[in-house]
Amino acid sequence: MTKDEGWKAVRYSPADAADSLQLMSRALGDSERATPAFADWQLQRSPAGAALSLLAREAATGRLIGQAVTVPVSVMLSGKVRTAGLDLNPVIDPDYPGRALPGELLREAAALSAAEDIAFTCGAPYQATLSPFLEPGGFRDVGALPLLIRPLNPERLAAKTMDSRVPGRATPIARSVWRTPAPRPQKEELPGLEIDQVDVFDEPFALFWNRVRLRFPIMVIRDPAHLNWRFREVPGRQYTTFAARSEGKIRGYVVVRVVQLGRFSVGLIVDLVVEASGEGRAAGRHLVDHAGAFLREHDPDMLATISLRHTDEYRIFRSRGFWVLPKFLEPRPYHLVVRAHVEEANVAYNLRNWFLTPGDSQVV
């Protein structure tokens, strides 16, 4: 199937582990993905099963020149529990000259996913890595993912923008954008609400997930098994979680982390999920305020998150002074791409059917 290009696709086996890590080290440098502990967490320990990995080896020499990885995740799909595949950006040997390889590998990986009863494959590539997913890989670009931000240090942001890749004529506009004062959120009282830091996702989170799991046609299942794997067991990352409770129930939770995005230090809200009720929305506003106060202690340039416009969470962020970052200032605009393998998964081609947060991508 790939003979004309001088390489062949083979399925990953444990015997390929050393070659795979060496390839990632050559292609990604000191990225966490190139460490054995992170690779084991991401590729072997997902509650939905081990990753499906395809390797590209030169036909003549057997040298590993590329790999495409699909991480299985359990999702709610129109009220049913199904398995979806999260495609990571293909990793290609920087010395390999073939431009078609990433797209070819993605197409082969999608075919493997369909054969393994995966309902649909999705990914969140940024703009520079989008093209291999489309015509070569057979994915559909469902839409750009809005990046919401709240500047905390406008002068520092302006200085970093002047020394960035923002076009020269746009720099004064960028400075004025950063210096635009954010609206001050109004404080509100919610009697009986308590916010506490969470060290482990336990049975109350299972009950919470059961109450919110049908909010949208497509949601990654956020039961304790997934949340503990995603936010507690991942090596090399430090997440902090806060839960809001009232009347003995979790009304919502938020997960945060401080990250470096390009030149900017960012207090990132990785996951925010609230109950679909007045209590849940009020709890969400308190959670965002609490998370913001916690993150400001680390002196980031801004707060940021990804949230879809049709969700309560988006409206909560907007009420707390977040606004959508203009495209010309985005360091890496992200897109949702989808390839459905069964008819019932065609709902995934409409962004309004999704609930998504940064935590669903595993990038941060």
Protein backbone atom coordinates (compact mmCIF):
# COMPACT_ATOMS: atom_id res chain seq x y z
CA MET A 1 0.00 0.00 0.00
CA THR A 2 2.99 2.34 0.43
CA LYS A 3 5.58 0.50 -1.62
CA ASP A 4 5.96 3.30 -4.17
CA GLU A 5 7.11 5.68 -1.45
CA GLY A 6 9.68 3.26 -0.08
CA TRP A 7 8.12 2.66 3.33
CA LYS A 8 5.58 0.37 4.91
CA ALA A 9 3.17 0.78 7.82
CA VAL A 10 3.39 -1.73 10.65
CA ARG A 11 1.48 -1.91 13.91
CA TYR A 12 3.40 -1.05 17.06
CA SER A 13 4.52 -3.81 19.41
CA PRO A 14 6.47 -3.62 22.71
CA ALA A 15 9.61 -4.57 20.77
CA ASP A 16 9.37 -1.17 19.02
CA ALA A 17 9.50 0.85 22.26
CA ALA A 18 13.19 1.83 22.07
CA ASP A 19 12.99 2.85 18.40
CA SER A 20 9.82 4.83 19.09
CA LEU A 21 11.37 6.81 21.95
CA GLN A 22 14.49 7.51 19.88
CA LEU A 23 12.33 8.83 17.04
CA MET A 24 10.39 11.11 19.37
CA SER A 25 13.62 12.36 20.89
CA ARG A 26 15.02 13.23 17.44
CA ALA A 27 11.81 14.88 16.28
CA LEU A 28 10.58 16.54 19.49
CA GLY A 29 13.79 17.27 21.40
CA ASP A 30 13.24 17.38 25.15
CA SER A 31 9.45 17.16 24.88
CA GLU A 32 7.69 15.24 27.64
CA ARG A 33 6.29 12.92 24.97
CA ALA A 34 9.83 11.60 24.44
CA THR A 35 10.18 10.38 28.04
CA PRO A 36 9.48 6.71 28.90
CA ALA A 37 7.20 7.55 31.83
CA PHE A 38 4.97 9.91 29.85
CA ALA A 39 4.82 7.58 26.85
CA ASP A 40 3.77 4.71 29.13
CA TRP A 41 1.04 6.86 30.72
CA GLN A 42 -0.33 8.14 27.43
CA LEU A 43 0.00 5.03 25.29
CA GLN A 44 -0.60 2.16 27.71
CA ARG A 45 -2.67 3.30 30.68
CA SER A 46 -5.79 5.03 29.33
CA PRO A 47 -8.88 3.57 31.05
CA ALA A 48 -10.32 3.01 27.54
CA GLY A 49 -7.40 0.77 26.54
CA ALA A 50 -3.91 0.90 25.08
CA ALA A 51 -3.20 3.24 22.19
CA LEU A 52 -3.31 2.15 18.57
CA SER A 53 0.09 3.02 17.10
CA LEU A 54 1.24 2.72 13.51
CA LEU A 55 4.92 2.91 12.60
CA ALA A 56 6.38 3.81 9.24
CA ARG A 57 9.60 1.93 8.47
CA GLU A 58 11.76 2.25 5.39
CA ALA A 59 11.16 -0.82 3.27
CA ALA A 60 14.84 -1.27 2.39
CA THR A 61 16.47 -0.67 5.79
CA GLY A 62 13.72 -1.09 8.40
CA ARG A 63 14.60 2.34 9.86
CA LEU A 64 11.76 3.95 11.78
CA ILE A 65 10.86 7.22 10.05
CA GLY A 66 7.44 8.06 11.47
CA GLN A 67 4.59 7.09 13.73
CA ALA A 68 0.94 7.97 14.25
CA VAL A 69 -0.74 7.34 17.60
CA THR A 70 -4.46 7.12 18.40
CA VAL A 71 -5.33 7.21 22.11
CA PRO A 72 -8.73 5.60 22.87
CA VAL A 73 -11.10 7.56 25.09
CA SER A 74 -14.57 6.65 26.30
CA VAL A 75 -17.24 9.13 25.22
CA MET A 76 -20.94 9.69 25.49
CA LEU A 77 -22.23 9.63 21.90
CA SER A 78 -25.91 10.54 21.63
CA GLY A 79 -26.61 8.96 25.01
CA LYS A 80 -24.55 5.79 24.45
CA VAL A 81 -21.10 4.87 25.77
CA ARG A 82 -18.74 4.46 22.82
CA THR A 83 -15.00 4.56 22.21
CA ALA A 84 -13.48 7.42 20.25
CA GLY A 85 -9.89 7.82 19.12
CA LEU A 86 -7.81 10.91 19.87
CA ASP A 87 -5.22 11.28 17.12
CA LEU A 88 -1.95 12.90 18.17
CA ASN A 89 0.09 14.86 15.66
CA PRO A 90 2.23 12.37 13.67
CA VAL A 91 5.91 12.27 14.62
CA ILE A 92 8.22 12.23 11.58
CA ASP A 93 12.00 11.81 11.45
CA PRO A 94 13.31 15.32 10.70
CA ASP A 95 15.79 13.84 8.20
CA TYR A 96 13.07 12.11 6.16
CA PRO A 97 12.25 14.16 3.02
CA GLY A 98 8.81 12.77 2.14
CA ARG A 99 6.08 15.37 2.66
CA ALA A 100 3.20 12.95 2.15
CA LEU A 101 4.11 10.70 5.06
CA PRO A 102 2.09 12.42 7.86
CA GLY A 103 -1.16 12.35 5.89
CA GLU A 104 -0.60 8.78 4.69
CA LEU A 105 0.04 7.61 8.24
CA LEU A 106 -3.09 9.37 9.50
CA ARG A 107 -5.18 7.70 6.81
CA GLU A 108 -3.77 4.27 7.73
CA ALA A 109 -4.34 4.96 11.44
CA ALA A 110 -7.97 5.95 10.80
CA ALA A 111 -8.55 2.68 8.90
CA LEU A 112 -7.07 0.75 11.83
CA SER A 113 -9.33 2.62 14.26
CA ALA A 114 -12.42 1.79 12.19
CA ALA A 115 -11.45 -1.89 12.22
CA GLU A 116 -11.09 -1.75 16.03
CA ASP A 117 -14.72 -0.59 16.56
CA ILE A 118 -13.80 3.03 17.26
CA ALA A 119 -16.84 5.19 16.44
CA PHE A 120 -14.92 8.24 15.30
CA THR A 121 -11.42 9.65 15.35
CA CYS A 122 -10.76 13.26 16.31
CA GLY A 123 -7.81 15.53 16.89
CA ALA A 124 -6.96 19.08 17.92
CA PRO A 125 -4.04 20.10 15.68
CA TYR A 126 -2.86 23.67 15.64
CA GLN A 127 -2.85 25.65 12.42
CA ALA A 128 0.65 24.66 11.27
CA THR A 129 -0.08 20.93 11.60
CA LEU A 130 -3.65 20.97 10.27
CA SER A 131 -3.16 20.16 6.58
CA PRO A 132 -2.10 16.45 6.88
CA PHE A 133 -5.37 15.71 8.69
CA LEU A 134 -7.57 17.06 5.90
CA GLU A 135 -7.31 15.76 2.31
CA PRO A 136 -4.51 13.21 2.93
CA GLY A 137 -5.90 11.97 6.25
CA GLY A 138 -9.58 12.16 5.32
CA PHE A 139 -10.60 14.29 8.32
CA ARG A 140 -13.06 17.17 8.29
CA ASP A 141 -12.22 20.53 9.88
CA VAL A 142 -15.17 21.04 12.23
CA GLY A 143 -14.07 24.47 13.40
CA ALA A 144 -11.58 26.62 15.26
CA LEU A 145 -11.56 26.38 19.05
CA PRO A 146 -12.01 29.78 20.75
CA LEU A 147 -9.16 30.77 23.06
CA LEU A 148 -10.48 32.88 25.93
CA ILE A 149 -8.08 35.00 27.92
CA ARG A 150 -8.01 37.48 30.76
CA PRO A 151 -4.86 39.63 30.90
CA LEU A 152 -3.27 39.95 34.33
CA ASN A 153 -0.11 41.88 33.45
CA PRO A 154 -0.92 44.11 30.43
CA GLU A 155 2.42 45.93 30.39
CA ARG A 156 4.41 42.70 30.40
CA LEU A 157 2.16 41.28 27.68
CA ALA A 158 2.65 44.40 25.58
CA ALA A 159 6.45 44.18 25.97
CA LYS A 160 6.46 40.51 24.95
CA THR A 161 4.22 41.26 21.97
CA MET A 162 6.67 43.91 20.70
CA ASP A 163 9.37 41.21 20.72
CA SER A 164 7.22 38.54 19.07
CA ARG A 165 6.13 37.45 15.61
CA VAL A 166 3.12 39.76 15.57
CA PRO A 167 3.39 41.85 12.35
CA GLY A 168 4.90 45.26 12.98
CA ARG A 169 1.83 47.23 11.91
CA ALA A 170 -0.32 45.15 14.28
CA THR A 171 1.89 45.72 17.33
CA PRO A 172 0.19 48.99 18.43
CA ILE A 173 -3.19 47.28 18.11
CA ALA A 174 -1.91 44.36 20.17
CA ARG A 175 -0.68 46.71 22.89
CA SER A 176 -4.06 48.42 23.07
CA VAL A 177 -5.81 45.02 23.21
CA TRP A 178 -3.73 43.90 26.18
CA ARG A 179 -4.32 47.18 27.96
CA THR A 180 -8.09 47.10 27.55
CA PRO A 181 -9.37 46.84 31.11
CA ALA A 182 -11.33 43.68 31.87
CA PRO A 183 -14.77 44.17 33.41
CA ARG A 184 -14.79 43.58 37.12
CA PRO A 185 -16.94 40.57 38.00
CA GLN A 186 -19.66 41.28 40.52
CA LYS A 187 -19.33 39.29 43.71
CA GLU A 188 -22.30 37.09 44.53
CA GLU A 189 -23.26 35.05 47.53
CA LEU A 190 -24.32 31.42 47.28
CA PRO A 191 -25.35 30.26 50.75
CA GLY A 192 -24.10 26.82 51.64
CA LEU A 193 -21.55 26.64 48.82
CA GLU A 194 -18.12 25.35 49.77
CA ILE A 195 -15.02 25.16 47.56
CA ASP A 196 -12.26 22.80 48.50
CA GLN A 197 -9.10 21.45 46.88
CA VAL A 198 -9.37 17.89 45.57
CA ASP A 199 -6.57 15.36 45.88
CA VAL A 200 -8.40 12.34 44.45
CA PHE A 201 -11.47 11.91 42.24
CA ASP A 202 -13.77 9.58 44.18
CA GLU A 203 -17.40 8.43 44.36
CA PRO A 204 -18.97 11.95 44.58
CA PHE A 205 -17.41 12.67 41.17
CA ALA A 206 -19.07 9.52 39.79
CA LEU A 207 -22.43 10.85 41.00
CA PHE A 208 -21.67 14.28 39.54
CA TRP A 209 -20.73 12.77 36.17
CA ASN A 210 -23.98 10.79 36.13
CA ARG A 211 -25.92 14.07 36.48
CA VAL A 212 -24.06 15.94 33.69
CA ARG A 213 -23.28 13.16 31.19
CA LEU A 214 -26.22 13.92 28.89
CA ARG A 215 -25.71 17.68 28.63
CA PHE A 216 -24.37 17.39 25.06
CA PRO A 217 -24.45 14.72 22.35
CA ILE A 218 -20.66 14.31 22.62
CA MET A 219 -18.69 14.46 25.86
CA VAL A 220 -15.55 12.67 26.96
CA ILE A 221 -16.58 10.52 29.93
CA ARG A 222 -15.35 12.24 33.06
CA ASP A 223 -15.79 9.46 35.58
CA PRO A 224 -13.26 8.97 38.42
CA ALA A 225 -11.18 6.49 36.39
CA HIS A 226 -10.68 8.99 33.58
CA LEU A 227 -10.17 12.03 35.82
CA ASN A 228 -7.59 10.28 38.00
CA TRP A 229 -5.70 9.04 34.93
CA ARG A 230 -5.86 12.41 33.18
CA PHE A 231 -5.05 14.76 36.06
CA ARG A 232 -3.43 12.74 38.87
CA GLU A 233 -1.41 9.96 37.27
CA VAL A 234 0.21 11.88 34.40
CA PRO A 235 3.97 12.14 35.07
CA GLY A 236 5.79 15.44 34.95
CA ARG A 237 2.73 17.67 35.24
CA GLN A 238 1.16 19.36 38.24
CA TYR A 239 -2.57 20.03 38.14
CA THR A 240 -4.67 21.56 40.91
CA THR A 241 -8.38 20.78 41.22
CA PHE A 242 -11.11 22.58 43.14
CA ALA A 243 -14.68 21.30 43.62
CA ALA A 244 -17.74 23.33 44.57
CA ARG A 245 -20.26 21.53 46.79
CA SER A 246 -23.63 22.40 48.29
CA GLU A 247 -26.29 20.26 49.93
CA GLY A 248 -23.86 17.35 49.88
CA LYS A 249 -23.49 17.40 46.07
CA ILE A 250 -20.70 18.45 43.76
CA ARG A 251 -22.07 21.31 41.65
CA GLY A 252 -18.94 21.71 39.52
CA TYR A 253 -15.19 21.43 39.46
CA VAL A 254 -12.23 23.19 37.87
CA VAL A 255 -8.70 21.97 37.05
CA VAL A 256 -5.86 24.45 36.58
CA ARG A 257 -2.17 24.46 35.69
CA VAL A 258 0.51 27.07 34.98
CA VAL A 259 2.07 26.57 31.53
CA GLN A 260 4.32 28.36 29.08
CA LEU A 261 2.68 29.09 25.70
CA GLY A 262 5.33 30.58 23.46
CA ARG A 263 6.62 33.70 25.20
CA PHE A 264 3.69 33.94 27.56
CA SER A 265 3.29 32.51 31.06
CA VAL A 266 -0.31 31.34 31.32
CA GLY A 267 -2.55 30.34 34.18
CA LEU A 268 -4.53 27.75 32.24
CA ILE A 269 -8.00 26.56 33.19
CA VAL A 270 -7.69 23.03 31.84
CA ASP A 271 -11.15 21.72 32.70
CA LEU A 272 -14.33 23.36 33.98
CA VAL A 273 -17.57 21.38 34.19
CA VAL A 274 -20.71 22.53 36.00
CA GLU A 275 -24.10 21.10 36.71
CA ALA A 276 -26.84 22.29 34.30
CA SER A 277 -28.74 24.25 36.96
CA GLY A 278 -28.80 27.66 38.55
CA GLU A 279 -26.74 26.27 41.42
CA GLY A 280 -24.26 24.81 38.95
CA ARG A 281 -23.80 28.04 37.03
CA ALA A 282 -23.38 30.05 40.22
CA ALA A 283 -20.89 27.47 41.47
CA GLY A 284 -19.01 27.82 38.17
CA ARG A 285 -18.64 31.56 38.63
CA HIS A 286 -17.28 31.03 42.14
CA LEU A 287 -14.93 28.31 40.86
CA VAL A 288 -13.48 30.58 38.16
CA ASP A 289 -12.94 33.36 40.71
CA HIS A 290 -11.30 30.90 43.13
CA ALA A 291 -9.10 29.42 40.39
CA GLY A 292 -8.08 32.89 39.23
CA ALA A 293 -7.03 33.91 42.74
CA PHE A 294 -5.00 30.70 43.07
CA LEU A 295 -3.28 31.14 39.69
CA ARG A 296 -2.45 34.81 40.30
CA GLU A 297 -0.18 33.68 43.13
CA HIS A 298 2.11 32.24 40.39
CA ASP A 299 2.31 35.62 38.60
CA PRO A 300 1.30 34.54 35.07
CA ASP A 301 0.88 37.04 32.25
CA MET A 302 -2.74 36.00 31.72
CA LEU A 303 -5.46 33.48 32.45
CA ALA A 304 -6.60 31.37 29.49
CA THR A 305 -8.84 28.51 28.48
CA ILE A 306 -10.69 27.00 25.53
CA SER A 307 -14.47 26.96 25.72
CA LEU A 308 -17.19 26.55 23.08
CA ARG A 309 -19.65 29.40 22.64
CA HIS A 310 -22.84 27.34 23.08
CA THR A 311 -21.96 26.12 26.60
CA ASP A 312 -22.79 27.43 30.07
CA GLU A 313 -19.06 27.32 30.80
CA TYR A 314 -18.34 29.83 28.01
CA ARG A 315 -20.94 32.21 29.42
CA ILE A 316 -19.43 31.77 32.89
CA PHE A 317 -15.99 32.73 31.60
CA ARG A 318 -17.39 35.77 29.78
CA SER A 319 -19.12 36.88 32.99
CA ARG A 320 -15.78 36.71 34.81
CA GLY A 321 -13.96 39.06 32.43
CA PHE A 322 -12.62 36.60 29.83
CA TRP A 323 -12.77 37.49 26.13
CA VAL A 324 -11.86 35.71 22.91
CA LEU A 325 -8.30 36.43 21.87
CA PRO A 326 -8.07 38.00 18.37
CA LYS A 327 -6.73 35.55 15.80
CA PHE A 328 -3.66 37.63 14.96
CA LEU A 329 -2.51 37.32 18.59
CA GLU A 330 -3.06 33.58 18.98
CA PRO A 331 0.27 31.75 19.32
CA ARG A 332 -1.22 28.49 17.99
CA PRO A 333 -4.85 28.48 16.82
CA TYR A 334 -6.31 25.03 17.41
CA HIS A 335 -8.94 23.28 15.27
CA LEU A 336 -11.19 20.30 15.93
CA VAL A 337 -10.88 17.69 13.18
CA VAL A 338 -13.10 14.61 12.94
CA ARG A 339 -13.38 11.45 10.87
CA ALA A 340 -16.52 9.39 11.56
CA HIS A 341 -16.31 5.62 11.14
CA VAL A 342 -20.00 4.79 11.80
CA GLU A 343 -23.14 6.64 10.75
CA GLU A 344 -24.20 7.50 14.30
CA ALA A 345 -20.93 9.42 14.72
CA ASN A 346 -21.84 11.94 11.99
CA VAL A 347 -23.14 14.20 14.78
CA ALA A 348 -19.45 14.81 15.56
CA TYR A 349 -19.18 16.93 12.40
CA ASN A 350 -21.19 19.71 14.06
CA LEU A 351 -19.23 21.68 16.66
CA ARG A 352 -22.44 22.59 18.51
CA ASN A 353 -22.87 18.95 19.50
CA TRP A 354 -19.57 18.95 21.41
CA PHE A 355 -18.44 19.76 24.89
CA LEU A 356 -14.70 20.40 24.85
CA THR A 357 -12.05 21.81 27.18
CA PRO A 358 -8.23 21.94 26.95
CA GLY A 359 -8.13 18.79 29.09
CA ASP A 360 -9.74 16.76 26.31
CA SER A 361 -6.74 17.26 24.02
CA GLN A 362 -3.96 15.99 26.37
CA VAL A 363 -1.72 18.72 24.90
CA VAL A 364 -1.57 20.67 28.19
